[in-house]
Amino acid sequence: MEHQKLAAEAAPTKEQDGVLLLRDIAFADAAALLVRYGIKLARVDDGAPIPGSFWGEPEAGLIGDTVYARNDTPVHSLLHEAAHLIVLPPERRAQVHTDATDSVEEEDAVCVLQSLLADVLPGVGSPRVLADMDAWGYTFRLGSARAYVQRDAEAAWSWLIARGLATEDRRLAPPPAAP
């Protein structure tokens, strides 16, 4: 596997690592980005359990076509979970609960896609999300998320391009037209 988040690690707090949290950006901007892909963003009350969270709070959760997040959810986590839903056909989204990954290839592509989504989310950007992924504990062969996306993710880029989610020049492809 190209990368992993170690389950045994306790998620760092904002004070420990300075990752960008949902409360640091406009919720409406994040919700508007997701809705372009037919995905809902549901705000969870502070301190409440996050439905469908694979890693546990404060990580984002997935159930059906909805990403769940609290104010203390890292933006990179929200984008990662949203990317899992984006790569799935709408009919498969309904079956998702907590874990959406079908394969290592999909997981790798989702890591690249979350960085592309960050570039179109006001106040975020790919460099910030990639740095936050490193701070949070993702691990990659070349030592950083940025190095992975730029120099070690050829298969992930091909996977995204083949599905119309990224362009040949390594940008986010426009979302599909609404039915």
Foldseek 3Di string as FASTA:
>chain_A
DFKDFDLPDDFDFCVQQVFAFQLNADPVLVQVLLVLLVAGEAEDEPPDWAFLAQSTPQAWHAAQRYIYHYRRHGLLRSQLVSLLVSLDDNVCSNVDGNDRDDDPLSSLLSLLLSQQSQCSRPPGHNVSSFSVCVSRGMAGPVGTSVCCNVPNRPSSVVSCVVSQQAPPVGHGGRHDDDD
